[in-house]
């Protein structure tokens, strides 16, 4: 497993709603953010999306409020951005546009030079195509951070990753699948429906 993309401890990190949801599902959200030295940001658009979504039963909005109160995360206003990246990402044909939260997250990252953590494949693809200089990653970049692994220990890190997979269906980049399954073990991997079928086959993973 390669290193986390969070290699510059001074760079701001902007995270999307999907990343917040995954972080909450880990049950270690505050400890993870405390361990990582980077300043974390979400846009007010993402904050609004999270507060409006009460269907999941995970109380993601409550987590954001606690993280803001604890100064582990700050809220950035979309109206404070001066460039047109947000509009460029929400206007156009469906295959070339994103929802408001994803667009706001990427627009902030591009304008402010922030590392951008976003989990959806389409958003990641558009980022790479339009903003090749933008450093992008996913929730997993937080979970594999050396400071997080040291803070949680192997068992805690395994629980955090499993919880995000099982409860929030966290997406795992293909290059990280072997590392994830080795960390959480084949039995728990078998019940994570967000993992590819081959990685949920215990006989294949265990080499039987």
N, C-alpha and C. Protein backbone atom coordinates (compact mmCIF):
# COMPACT_ATOMS: atom_id res chain seq x y z
N UNK A 1 0.85 -1.19 0.00
CA UNK A 1 0.00 0.00 0.00
C UNK A 1 0.88 1.24 0.00
N UNK A 2 0.60 2.16 -0.92
CA UNK A 2 1.38 3.38 -1.00
C UNK A 2 1.07 4.33 0.13
N UNK A 3 1.86 5.37 0.23
CA UNK A 3 1.66 6.35 1.26
C UNK A 3 0.42 7.18 0.99
N UNK A 4 -0.11 7.78 2.05
CA UNK A 4 -1.23 8.70 1.91
C UNK A 4 -0.81 9.90 1.08
N UNK A 5 -1.78 10.51 0.40
CA UNK A 5 -1.48 11.73 -0.35
C UNK A 5 -1.29 12.92 0.58
N UNK A 6 -1.55 12.75 1.87
CA UNK A 6 -1.41 13.84 2.84
C UNK A 6 0.03 13.90 3.33
N UNK A 7 0.91 14.31 2.42
CA UNK A 7 2.34 14.29 2.76
C UNK A 7 2.85 15.67 3.16
N UNK A 8 2.09 16.72 2.85
CA UNK A 8 2.47 18.08 3.27
C UNK A 8 1.61 18.45 4.48
N UNK A 9 2.17 18.46 5.68
CA UNK A 9 1.36 18.69 6.88
C UNK A 9 0.80 20.10 7.00
N UNK A 10 1.26 21.01 6.16
CA UNK A 10 0.77 22.39 6.22
C UNK A 10 -0.36 22.66 5.23
N UNK A 11 -0.58 21.76 4.30
CA UNK A 11 -1.58 21.99 3.25
C UNK A 11 -2.99 21.82 3.80
N UNK A 12 -3.90 22.73 3.48
CA UNK A 12 -5.30 22.52 3.88
C UNK A 12 -5.88 21.33 3.13
N UNK A 13 -6.84 20.68 3.76
CA UNK A 13 -7.51 19.52 3.16
C UNK A 13 -9.01 19.79 3.15
N UNK A 14 -9.61 19.79 1.97
CA UNK A 14 -11.05 19.99 1.87
C UNK A 14 -11.70 18.65 1.58
N UNK A 15 -12.77 18.35 2.31
CA UNK A 15 -13.39 17.02 2.19
C UNK A 15 -14.84 17.14 1.77
N UNK A 16 -15.28 16.16 1.00
CA UNK A 16 -16.64 16.13 0.48
C UNK A 16 -17.57 15.42 1.45
N UNK A 17 -18.87 15.48 1.17
CA UNK A 17 -19.87 14.86 2.04
C UNK A 17 -19.63 13.36 2.18
N UNK A 18 -19.26 12.69 1.10
CA UNK A 18 -19.02 11.25 1.17
C UNK A 18 -17.89 10.93 2.14
N UNK A 19 -16.88 11.78 2.16
CA UNK A 19 -15.76 11.58 3.07
C UNK A 19 -16.19 11.79 4.52
N UNK A 20 -17.03 12.80 4.76
CA UNK A 20 -17.55 13.02 6.11
C UNK A 20 -18.37 11.82 6.57
N UNK A 21 -19.20 11.29 5.69
CA UNK A 21 -20.03 10.14 6.03
C UNK A 21 -19.16 8.93 6.37
N UNK A 22 -18.14 8.69 5.56
CA UNK A 22 -17.22 7.58 5.83
C UNK A 22 -16.50 7.79 7.15
N UNK A 23 -16.04 9.02 7.37
CA UNK A 23 -15.32 9.34 8.60
C UNK A 23 -16.20 9.10 9.82
N UNK A 24 -17.45 9.51 9.74
CA UNK A 24 -18.37 9.29 10.85
C UNK A 24 -18.58 7.81 11.09
N UNK A 25 -18.71 7.05 10.02
CA UNK A 25 -18.96 5.61 10.15
C UNK A 25 -17.81 4.88 10.83
N UNK A 26 -16.59 5.40 10.73
CA UNK A 26 -15.45 4.72 11.35
C UNK A 26 -15.59 4.62 12.86
N UNK A 27 -16.33 5.54 13.48
CA UNK A 27 -16.46 5.67 14.94
C UNK A 27 -15.22 6.28 15.58
N UNK A 28 -14.26 6.71 14.77
CA UNK A 28 -13.03 7.32 15.27
C UNK A 28 -12.79 8.70 14.65
N UNK A 29 -13.84 9.37 14.20
CA UNK A 29 -13.67 10.59 13.42
C UNK A 29 -12.80 11.64 14.08
N UNK A 30 -13.09 11.97 15.32
CA UNK A 30 -12.33 13.01 16.01
C UNK A 30 -10.87 12.59 16.21
N UNK A 31 -10.64 11.35 16.58
CA UNK A 31 -9.27 10.88 16.80
C UNK A 31 -8.47 10.89 15.50
N UNK A 32 -9.12 10.58 14.40
CA UNK A 32 -8.43 10.59 13.10
C UNK A 32 -8.01 12.00 12.74
N UNK A 33 -8.91 12.96 12.88
CA UNK A 33 -8.58 14.34 12.53
C UNK A 33 -7.56 14.93 13.48
N UNK A 34 -7.63 14.58 14.75
CA UNK A 34 -6.64 15.07 15.71
C UNK A 34 -5.24 14.55 15.38
N UNK A 35 -5.17 13.33 14.88
CA UNK A 35 -3.87 12.72 14.59
C UNK A 35 -3.19 13.34 13.38
N UNK A 36 -3.98 13.81 12.42
CA UNK A 36 -3.42 14.36 11.19
C UNK A 36 -3.17 15.85 11.37
N UNK A 37 -1.96 16.33 11.09
CA UNK A 37 -1.64 17.73 11.38
C UNK A 37 -2.28 18.75 10.45
N UNK A 38 -2.75 18.33 9.29
CA UNK A 38 -3.31 19.27 8.32
C UNK A 38 -4.58 19.93 8.83
N UNK A 39 -4.83 21.18 8.43
CA UNK A 39 -6.13 21.81 8.71
C UNK A 39 -7.20 21.27 7.76
N UNK A 40 -8.37 20.93 8.29
CA UNK A 40 -9.45 20.36 7.50
C UNK A 40 -10.58 21.36 7.30
N UNK A 41 -11.19 21.31 6.12
CA UNK A 41 -12.23 22.26 5.72
C UNK A 41 -13.35 21.50 5.02
N UNK A 42 -14.60 21.95 5.24
CA UNK A 42 -15.70 21.58 4.35
C UNK A 42 -16.38 22.87 3.91
N UNK A 43 -17.01 22.84 2.77
CA UNK A 43 -17.73 24.02 2.31
C UNK A 43 -19.10 24.07 2.97
N UNK A 44 -19.68 25.26 2.99
CA UNK A 44 -21.02 25.40 3.55
C UNK A 44 -22.05 24.63 2.72
N UNK A 45 -21.77 24.41 1.44
CA UNK A 45 -22.67 23.63 0.60
C UNK A 45 -22.71 22.18 1.08
N UNK A 46 -21.55 21.62 1.35
CA UNK A 46 -21.46 20.25 1.87
C UNK A 46 -22.10 20.17 3.26
N UNK A 47 -21.85 21.15 4.09
CA UNK A 47 -22.47 21.18 5.42
C UNK A 47 -23.99 21.12 5.28
N UNK A 48 -24.54 21.90 4.36
CA UNK A 48 -25.98 21.90 4.16
C UNK A 48 -26.50 20.55 3.69
N UNK A 49 -25.77 19.91 2.78
CA UNK A 49 -26.18 18.58 2.31
C UNK A 49 -26.23 17.58 3.46
N UNK A 50 -25.23 17.63 4.31
CA UNK A 50 -25.14 16.68 5.42
C UNK A 50 -26.27 16.92 6.42
N UNK A 51 -26.56 18.17 6.70
CA UNK A 51 -27.62 18.50 7.65
C UNK A 51 -28.99 18.10 7.12
N UNK A 52 -29.16 18.14 5.80
CA UNK A 52 -30.45 17.81 5.20
C UNK A 52 -30.68 16.31 5.12
N UNK A 53 -29.62 15.52 5.09
CA UNK A 53 -29.75 14.07 4.93
C UNK A 53 -29.90 13.40 6.29
N UNK A 54 -31.12 13.12 6.67
CA UNK A 54 -31.38 12.46 7.96
C UNK A 54 -31.83 11.02 7.76
N UNK A 55 -31.78 10.55 6.52
CA UNK A 55 -32.30 9.20 6.24
C UNK A 55 -31.36 8.10 6.70
N UNK A 56 -30.08 8.40 6.74
CA UNK A 56 -29.11 7.34 7.03
C UNK A 56 -29.15 6.88 8.47
N UNK A 57 -29.59 7.76 9.38
CA UNK A 57 -29.61 7.42 10.80
C UNK A 57 -28.25 7.48 11.45
N UNK A 58 -27.22 8.01 10.72
CA UNK A 58 -25.87 8.04 11.28
C UNK A 58 -25.56 9.35 11.99
N UNK A 59 -26.45 10.33 11.90
CA UNK A 59 -26.26 11.62 12.56
C UNK A 59 -24.96 12.30 12.10
N UNK A 60 -24.76 12.31 10.78
CA UNK A 60 -23.55 12.92 10.24
C UNK A 60 -23.48 14.40 10.53
N UNK A 61 -24.63 15.08 10.54
CA UNK A 61 -24.65 16.49 10.85
C UNK A 61 -24.17 16.78 12.26
N UNK A 62 -24.52 15.89 13.18
CA UNK A 62 -24.07 16.05 14.57
C UNK A 62 -22.55 15.94 14.65
N UNK A 63 -21.97 15.00 13.91
CA UNK A 63 -20.52 14.86 13.91
C UNK A 63 -19.86 16.13 13.40
N UNK A 64 -20.37 16.69 12.31
CA UNK A 64 -19.78 17.92 11.77
C UNK A 64 -19.85 19.03 12.80
N UNK A 65 -20.98 19.17 13.46
CA UNK A 65 -21.12 20.22 14.48
C UNK A 65 -20.09 20.04 15.59
N UNK A 66 -19.89 18.80 16.01
CA UNK A 66 -18.92 18.53 17.08
C UNK A 66 -17.50 18.83 16.61
N UNK A 67 -17.19 18.49 15.37
CA UNK A 67 -15.85 18.73 14.84
C UNK A 67 -15.58 20.22 14.68
N UNK A 68 -16.61 20.96 14.28
CA UNK A 68 -16.46 22.41 14.16
C UNK A 68 -16.26 23.04 15.53
N UNK A 69 -17.06 22.61 16.50
CA UNK A 69 -16.94 23.12 17.86
C UNK A 69 -15.56 22.83 18.44
N UNK A 70 -15.03 21.65 18.11
CA UNK A 70 -13.72 21.25 18.60
C UNK A 70 -12.57 21.84 17.78
N UNK A 71 -12.92 22.62 16.77
CA UNK A 71 -11.94 23.25 15.88
C UNK A 71 -11.08 22.24 15.13
N UNK A 72 -11.66 21.09 14.88
CA UNK A 72 -10.97 20.08 14.07
C UNK A 72 -11.30 20.24 12.60
N UNK A 73 -12.30 21.04 12.33
CA UNK A 73 -12.70 21.30 10.95
C UNK A 73 -13.29 22.69 10.90
N UNK A 74 -13.13 23.37 9.77
CA UNK A 74 -13.70 24.70 9.61
C UNK A 74 -14.63 24.71 8.39
N UNK A 75 -15.52 25.70 8.36
CA UNK A 75 -16.48 25.82 7.28
C UNK A 75 -16.06 26.97 6.37
N UNK A 76 -15.98 26.69 5.08
CA UNK A 76 -15.65 27.71 4.08
C UNK A 76 -16.91 28.06 3.29
N UNK A 77 -17.11 29.33 3.02
CA UNK A 77 -18.29 29.77 2.29
C UNK A 77 -18.01 29.79 0.79
N UNK A 78 -18.93 29.17 0.06
CA UNK A 78 -18.80 29.16 -1.40
C UNK A 78 -18.77 30.58 -1.95
N UNK A 79 -19.54 31.47 -1.34
CA UNK A 79 -19.60 32.85 -1.84
C UNK A 79 -18.27 33.57 -1.74
N UNK A 80 -17.36 33.06 -0.93
CA UNK A 80 -16.05 33.70 -0.79
C UNK A 80 -15.09 33.34 -1.92
N UNK A 81 -15.44 32.32 -2.69
CA UNK A 81 -14.59 31.94 -3.82
C UNK A 81 -14.80 32.94 -4.96
N UNK A 82 -13.74 33.30 -5.62
CA UNK A 82 -13.82 34.34 -6.64
C UNK A 82 -13.71 33.81 -8.07
N UNK A 83 -13.31 32.56 -8.23
CA UNK A 83 -13.15 32.00 -9.57
C UNK A 83 -14.41 31.22 -9.97
N UNK A 84 -14.48 30.80 -11.21
CA UNK A 84 -15.72 30.23 -11.77
C UNK A 84 -15.75 28.71 -11.78
N UNK A 85 -14.87 28.05 -11.03
CA UNK A 85 -14.79 26.59 -11.10
C UNK A 85 -16.11 25.92 -10.69
N UNK A 86 -16.79 26.47 -9.70
CA UNK A 86 -18.05 25.86 -9.26
C UNK A 86 -19.06 25.85 -10.41
N UNK A 87 -19.26 26.99 -11.04
CA UNK A 87 -20.21 27.06 -12.15
C UNK A 87 -19.80 26.14 -13.29
N UNK A 88 -18.50 26.06 -13.56
CA UNK A 88 -18.02 25.19 -14.63
C UNK A 88 -18.35 23.73 -14.37
N UNK A 89 -18.44 23.36 -13.10
CA UNK A 89 -18.66 21.96 -12.74
C UNK A 89 -20.14 21.59 -12.59
N UNK A 90 -21.01 22.57 -12.49
CA UNK A 90 -22.43 22.24 -12.30
C UNK A 90 -23.27 22.56 -13.53
N UNK A 91 -22.72 23.27 -14.50
CA UNK A 91 -23.47 23.65 -15.69
C UNK A 91 -22.94 22.87 -16.89
N UNK A 92 -23.85 22.24 -17.62
CA UNK A 92 -23.45 21.48 -18.80
C UNK A 92 -24.18 20.15 -18.87
N UNK A 93 -23.68 19.27 -19.69
CA UNK A 93 -24.29 17.95 -19.85
C UNK A 93 -24.03 17.09 -18.62
N UNK A 94 -24.93 16.18 -18.35
CA UNK A 94 -24.87 15.38 -17.12
C UNK A 94 -23.59 14.61 -16.93
N UNK A 95 -23.02 14.10 -18.00
CA UNK A 95 -21.80 13.29 -17.86
C UNK A 95 -20.57 14.14 -17.59
N UNK A 96 -20.73 15.48 -17.67
CA UNK A 96 -19.60 16.37 -17.43
C UNK A 96 -19.87 17.34 -16.29
N UNK A 97 -20.89 17.05 -15.48
CA UNK A 97 -21.21 17.93 -14.35
C UNK A 97 -21.33 17.12 -13.07
N UNK A 98 -21.28 17.83 -11.95
CA UNK A 98 -21.34 17.20 -10.63
C UNK A 98 -22.43 17.85 -9.81
N UNK A 99 -22.77 17.20 -8.68
CA UNK A 99 -23.73 17.84 -7.80
C UNK A 99 -23.06 19.00 -7.07
N UNK A 100 -23.87 19.81 -6.40
CA UNK A 100 -23.35 21.05 -5.84
C UNK A 100 -22.26 20.82 -4.80
N UNK A 101 -22.43 19.80 -3.96
CA UNK A 101 -21.44 19.56 -2.91
C UNK A 101 -20.10 19.15 -3.47
N UNK A 102 -20.10 18.23 -4.42
CA UNK A 102 -18.85 17.81 -5.05
C UNK A 102 -18.19 18.98 -5.77
N UNK A 103 -19.01 19.75 -6.51
CA UNK A 103 -18.47 20.88 -7.26
C UNK A 103 -17.87 21.93 -6.32
N UNK A 104 -18.55 22.20 -5.21
CA UNK A 104 -18.04 23.20 -4.27
C UNK A 104 -16.72 22.73 -3.65
N UNK A 105 -16.64 21.45 -3.34
CA UNK A 105 -15.41 20.90 -2.75
C UNK A 105 -14.25 21.03 -3.71
N UNK A 106 -14.47 20.67 -4.96
CA UNK A 106 -13.40 20.74 -5.95
C UNK A 106 -13.04 22.20 -6.24
N UNK A 107 -14.04 23.06 -6.34
CA UNK A 107 -13.78 24.48 -6.61
C UNK A 107 -12.92 25.08 -5.51
N UNK A 108 -13.21 24.74 -4.27
CA UNK A 108 -12.39 25.24 -3.16
C UNK A 108 -10.97 24.70 -3.28
N UNK A 109 -10.84 23.42 -3.55
CA UNK A 109 -9.51 22.82 -3.66
C UNK A 109 -8.67 23.47 -4.73
N UNK A 110 -9.30 23.72 -5.89
CA UNK A 110 -8.56 24.32 -7.00
C UNK A 110 -8.15 25.75 -6.67
N UNK A 111 -9.10 26.54 -6.16
CA UNK A 111 -8.81 27.96 -5.91
C UNK A 111 -7.83 28.17 -4.75
N UNK A 112 -7.96 27.34 -3.72
CA UNK A 112 -7.15 27.54 -2.52
C UNK A 112 -5.90 26.65 -2.47
N UNK A 113 -5.73 25.80 -3.47
CA UNK A 113 -4.59 24.90 -3.45
C UNK A 113 -4.67 23.86 -2.36
N UNK A 114 -5.87 23.42 -2.05
CA UNK A 114 -6.09 22.45 -0.97
C UNK A 114 -6.10 21.03 -1.52
N UNK A 115 -5.56 20.11 -0.74
CA UNK A 115 -5.71 18.69 -1.05
C UNK A 115 -7.19 18.37 -0.98
N UNK A 116 -7.71 17.67 -1.98
CA UNK A 116 -9.15 17.45 -2.10
C UNK A 116 -9.47 15.97 -1.95
N UNK A 117 -10.25 15.65 -0.93
CA UNK A 117 -10.63 14.26 -0.69
C UNK A 117 -12.08 14.08 -1.12
N UNK A 118 -12.26 13.24 -2.12
CA UNK A 118 -13.58 13.03 -2.70
C UNK A 118 -13.64 11.60 -3.21
N UNK A 119 -14.72 10.89 -2.90
CA UNK A 119 -14.73 9.44 -3.11
C UNK A 119 -15.42 8.97 -4.39
N UNK A 120 -16.29 9.77 -4.96
CA UNK A 120 -17.05 9.30 -6.12
C UNK A 120 -16.17 9.20 -7.36
N UNK A 121 -16.37 8.14 -8.13
CA UNK A 121 -15.54 7.90 -9.32
C UNK A 121 -15.66 9.02 -10.34
N UNK A 122 -16.89 9.46 -10.61
CA UNK A 122 -17.10 10.49 -11.63
C UNK A 122 -16.39 11.79 -11.23
N UNK A 123 -16.53 12.17 -9.98
CA UNK A 123 -15.87 13.40 -9.51
C UNK A 123 -14.36 13.27 -9.60
N UNK A 124 -13.85 12.12 -9.24
CA UNK A 124 -12.41 11.90 -9.33
C UNK A 124 -11.93 11.98 -10.78
N UNK A 125 -12.70 11.37 -11.67
CA UNK A 125 -12.33 11.40 -13.09
C UNK A 125 -12.31 12.83 -13.62
N UNK A 126 -13.36 13.60 -13.33
CA UNK A 126 -13.42 14.97 -13.82
C UNK A 126 -12.28 15.82 -13.24
N UNK A 127 -11.95 15.55 -11.99
CA UNK A 127 -10.82 16.27 -11.38
C UNK A 127 -9.54 16.02 -12.16
N UNK A 128 -9.27 14.77 -12.45
CA UNK A 128 -8.03 14.43 -13.14
C UNK A 128 -8.01 15.01 -14.55
N UNK A 129 -9.16 15.04 -15.19
CA UNK A 129 -9.23 15.56 -16.56
C UNK A 129 -9.08 17.08 -16.60
N UNK A 130 -9.74 17.77 -15.68
CA UNK A 130 -9.80 19.24 -15.75
C UNK A 130 -8.73 19.93 -14.91
N UNK A 131 -8.35 19.30 -13.83
CA UNK A 131 -7.42 19.95 -12.91
C UNK A 131 -6.27 19.00 -12.57
N UNK A 132 -5.43 18.72 -13.54
CA UNK A 132 -4.38 17.72 -13.33
C UNK A 132 -3.37 18.09 -12.24
N UNK A 133 -3.29 19.37 -11.90
CA UNK A 133 -2.35 19.79 -10.85
C UNK A 133 -2.94 19.68 -9.45
N UNK A 134 -4.24 19.43 -9.37
CA UNK A 134 -4.90 19.33 -8.07
C UNK A 134 -4.55 18.00 -7.41
N UNK A 135 -4.15 18.04 -6.15
CA UNK A 135 -3.89 16.81 -5.41
C UNK A 135 -5.21 16.27 -4.90
N UNK A 136 -5.60 15.10 -5.38
CA UNK A 136 -6.87 14.51 -4.97
C UNK A 136 -6.63 13.16 -4.32
N UNK A 137 -7.51 12.82 -3.41
CA UNK A 137 -7.44 11.53 -2.73
C UNK A 137 -8.83 11.13 -2.30
N UNK A 138 -8.89 10.21 -1.36
CA UNK A 138 -10.18 9.71 -0.89
C UNK A 138 -10.12 9.53 0.62
N UNK A 139 -11.20 9.06 1.18
CA UNK A 139 -11.25 8.81 2.62
C UNK A 139 -10.08 7.94 3.07
N UNK A 140 -9.73 6.97 2.24
CA UNK A 140 -8.69 6.02 2.63
C UNK A 140 -7.36 6.72 2.89
N UNK A 141 -7.12 7.86 2.24
CA UNK A 141 -5.87 8.58 2.47
C UNK A 141 -5.75 9.05 3.91
N UNK A 142 -6.87 9.30 4.57
CA UNK A 142 -6.83 9.62 6.00
C UNK A 142 -6.55 8.37 6.82
N UNK A 143 -7.18 7.28 6.44
CA UNK A 143 -7.10 6.06 7.26
C UNK A 143 -5.74 5.37 7.16
N UNK A 144 -5.01 5.61 6.06
CA UNK A 144 -3.68 4.99 5.93
C UNK A 144 -2.57 5.95 6.34
N UNK A 145 -2.93 7.13 6.79
CA UNK A 145 -1.94 8.11 7.24
C UNK A 145 -1.14 7.51 8.40
N UNK A 146 0.16 7.68 8.37
CA UNK A 146 1.01 7.04 9.39
C UNK A 146 0.64 7.49 10.80
N UNK A 147 0.25 8.75 10.96
CA UNK A 147 -0.12 9.24 12.29
C UNK A 147 -1.42 8.60 12.77
N UNK A 148 -2.33 8.32 11.85
CA UNK A 148 -3.59 7.65 12.22
C UNK A 148 -3.34 6.20 12.59
N UNK A 149 -2.50 5.53 11.81
CA UNK A 149 -2.18 4.14 12.13
C UNK A 149 -1.48 4.05 13.49
N UNK A 150 -0.64 5.02 13.80
CA UNK A 150 0.03 5.03 15.10
C UNK A 150 -0.96 5.32 16.22
N UNK A 151 -1.90 6.23 15.97
CA UNK A 151 -2.89 6.60 16.99
C UNK A 151 -3.85 5.46 17.28
N UNK A 152 -4.35 4.80 16.26
CA UNK A 152 -5.37 3.77 16.44
C UNK A 152 -4.78 2.39 16.68
N UNK A 153 -3.55 2.17 16.26
CA UNK A 153 -3.00 0.82 16.30
C UNK A 153 -3.61 -0.02 15.20
N UNK A 154 -3.02 -1.18 14.95
CA UNK A 154 -3.51 -2.02 13.86
C UNK A 154 -4.96 -2.44 14.06
N UNK A 155 -5.32 -2.85 15.28
CA UNK A 155 -6.69 -3.30 15.51
C UNK A 155 -7.69 -2.17 15.36
N UNK A 156 -7.35 -0.99 15.89
CA UNK A 156 -8.24 0.15 15.76
C UNK A 156 -8.39 0.58 14.31
N UNK A 157 -7.27 0.60 13.58
CA UNK A 157 -7.32 0.96 12.17
C UNK A 157 -8.16 -0.04 11.38
N UNK A 158 -8.02 -1.32 11.70
CA UNK A 158 -8.83 -2.34 11.03
C UNK A 158 -10.31 -2.13 11.31
N UNK A 159 -10.64 -1.81 12.55
CA UNK A 159 -12.05 -1.56 12.90
C UNK A 159 -12.57 -0.33 12.16
N UNK A 160 -11.76 0.73 12.10
CA UNK A 160 -12.18 1.96 11.43
C UNK A 160 -12.45 1.71 9.95
N UNK A 161 -11.54 1.00 9.29
CA UNK A 161 -11.71 0.71 7.87
C UNK A 161 -12.93 -0.19 7.66
N UNK A 162 -13.07 -1.21 8.47
CA UNK A 162 -14.22 -2.11 8.33
C UNK A 162 -15.53 -1.36 8.53
N UNK A 163 -15.59 -0.51 9.54
CA UNK A 163 -16.82 0.24 9.80
C UNK A 163 -17.19 1.12 8.62
N UNK A 164 -16.19 1.79 8.04
CA UNK A 164 -16.46 2.65 6.90
C UNK A 164 -16.93 1.84 5.69
N UNK A 165 -16.38 0.66 5.52
CA UNK A 165 -16.80 -0.20 4.42
C UNK A 165 -18.20 -0.75 4.65
N UNK A 166 -18.42 -1.29 5.82
CA UNK A 166 -19.65 -2.02 6.10
C UNK A 166 -20.84 -1.08 6.33
N UNK A 167 -20.60 0.03 7.01
CA UNK A 167 -21.70 0.93 7.37
C UNK A 167 -21.93 2.05 6.37
N UNK A 168 -20.88 2.46 5.68
CA UNK A 168 -21.01 3.60 4.76
C UNK A 168 -20.66 3.25 3.32
N UNK A 169 -20.28 2.01 3.07
CA UNK A 169 -19.94 1.56 1.71
C UNK A 169 -18.82 2.42 1.10
N UNK A 170 -17.80 2.65 1.90
CA UNK A 170 -16.66 3.44 1.43
C UNK A 170 -16.05 2.82 0.18
N UNK A 171 -15.75 3.65 -0.80
CA UNK A 171 -15.10 3.16 -2.02
C UNK A 171 -13.61 3.03 -1.78
N UNK A 172 -13.05 1.93 -2.26
CA UNK A 172 -11.62 1.68 -2.11
C UNK A 172 -10.97 1.73 -3.49
N UNK A 173 -9.95 2.56 -3.67
CA UNK A 173 -9.24 2.57 -4.96
C UNK A 173 -8.69 1.18 -5.26
N UNK A 174 -8.70 0.76 -6.51
CA UNK A 174 -8.23 -0.58 -6.86
C UNK A 174 -6.85 -0.91 -6.33
N UNK A 175 -5.95 0.06 -6.30
CA UNK A 175 -4.59 -0.20 -5.84
C UNK A 175 -4.51 -0.49 -4.35
N UNK A 176 -5.58 -0.19 -3.61
CA UNK A 176 -5.57 -0.38 -2.16
C UNK A 176 -6.35 -1.60 -1.71
N UNK A 177 -6.96 -2.32 -2.63
CA UNK A 177 -7.85 -3.42 -2.25
C UNK A 177 -7.12 -4.52 -1.47
N UNK A 178 -5.96 -4.93 -1.93
CA UNK A 178 -5.23 -6.00 -1.24
C UNK A 178 -4.86 -5.56 0.18
N UNK A 179 -4.41 -4.32 0.33
CA UNK A 179 -4.04 -3.81 1.65
C UNK A 179 -5.24 -3.79 2.58
N UNK A 180 -6.37 -3.34 2.08
CA UNK A 180 -7.59 -3.26 2.91
C UNK A 180 -8.02 -4.63 3.38
N UNK A 181 -8.06 -5.59 2.46
CA UNK A 181 -8.52 -6.94 2.82
C UNK A 181 -7.55 -7.60 3.80
N UNK A 182 -6.26 -7.38 3.60
CA UNK A 182 -5.28 -7.92 4.54
C UNK A 182 -5.47 -7.32 5.92
N UNK A 183 -5.76 -6.02 5.96
CA UNK A 183 -5.94 -5.33 7.24
C UNK A 183 -7.17 -5.83 7.99
N UNK A 184 -8.31 -5.89 7.33
CA UNK A 184 -9.55 -6.23 8.05
C UNK A 184 -9.78 -7.73 8.16
N UNK A 185 -9.11 -8.52 7.32
CA UNK A 185 -9.25 -9.96 7.36
C UNK A 185 -10.33 -10.44 6.42
N UNK A 186 -10.20 -11.68 5.92
CA UNK A 186 -11.13 -12.20 4.91
C UNK A 186 -12.56 -12.37 5.41
N UNK A 187 -12.72 -12.69 6.69
CA UNK A 187 -14.07 -12.90 7.21
C UNK A 187 -14.87 -11.60 7.17
N UNK A 188 -14.25 -10.51 7.58
CA UNK A 188 -14.98 -9.24 7.55
C UNK A 188 -15.09 -8.71 6.12
N UNK A 189 -14.07 -8.95 5.31
CA UNK A 189 -14.15 -8.53 3.91
C UNK A 189 -15.33 -9.18 3.20
N UNK A 190 -15.63 -10.42 3.58
CA UNK A 190 -16.70 -11.17 2.92
C UNK A 190 -18.07 -10.53 3.08
N UNK A 191 -18.25 -9.70 4.11
CA UNK A 191 -19.57 -9.09 4.33
C UNK A 191 -19.61 -7.61 3.93
N UNK A 192 -18.55 -7.14 3.30
CA UNK A 192 -18.51 -5.75 2.84
C UNK A 192 -18.94 -5.72 1.37
N UNK A 193 -20.19 -5.44 1.13
CA UNK A 193 -20.74 -5.53 -0.21
C UNK A 193 -20.17 -4.48 -1.17
N UNK A 194 -19.53 -3.45 -0.64
CA UNK A 194 -18.94 -2.44 -1.52
C UNK A 194 -17.62 -2.91 -2.14
N UNK A 195 -17.05 -3.98 -1.60
CA UNK A 195 -15.83 -4.53 -2.18
C UNK A 195 -16.15 -5.38 -3.40
N UNK A 196 -15.27 -5.43 -4.39
CA UNK A 196 -15.51 -6.31 -5.54
C UNK A 196 -15.70 -7.76 -5.09
N UNK A 197 -16.49 -8.49 -5.84
CA UNK A 197 -16.85 -9.86 -5.45
C UNK A 197 -15.61 -10.72 -5.19
N UNK A 198 -14.60 -10.57 -6.02
CA UNK A 198 -13.41 -11.41 -5.87
C UNK A 198 -12.74 -11.19 -4.52
N UNK A 199 -12.85 -9.99 -3.98
CA UNK A 199 -12.22 -9.69 -2.70
C UNK A 199 -13.10 -10.06 -1.51
N UNK A 200 -14.31 -10.54 -1.81
CA UNK A 200 -15.19 -11.03 -0.75
C UNK A 200 -15.24 -12.56 -0.69
N UNK A 201 -14.41 -13.19 -1.55
CA UNK A 201 -14.37 -14.65 -1.58
C UNK A 201 -13.29 -15.12 -0.62
N UNK A 202 -13.70 -15.66 0.52
CA UNK A 202 -12.74 -16.03 1.55
C UNK A 202 -11.77 -17.12 1.10
N UNK A 203 -12.23 -18.04 0.25
CA UNK A 203 -11.32 -19.09 -0.19
C UNK A 203 -10.21 -18.52 -1.07
N UNK A 204 -10.54 -17.50 -1.90
CA UNK A 204 -9.52 -16.89 -2.74
C UNK A 204 -8.54 -16.10 -1.89
N UNK A 205 -9.07 -15.32 -0.93
CA UNK A 205 -8.21 -14.46 -0.13
C UNK A 205 -7.26 -15.27 0.74
N UNK A 206 -7.77 -16.37 1.28
CA UNK A 206 -6.96 -17.17 2.18
C UNK A 206 -6.07 -18.16 1.43
N UNK A 207 -6.24 -18.23 0.10
CA UNK A 207 -5.39 -19.10 -0.71
C UNK A 207 -5.70 -20.58 -0.55
N UNK A 208 -6.97 -20.86 -0.16
CA UNK A 208 -7.31 -22.27 0.00
C UNK A 208 -7.68 -22.88 -1.33
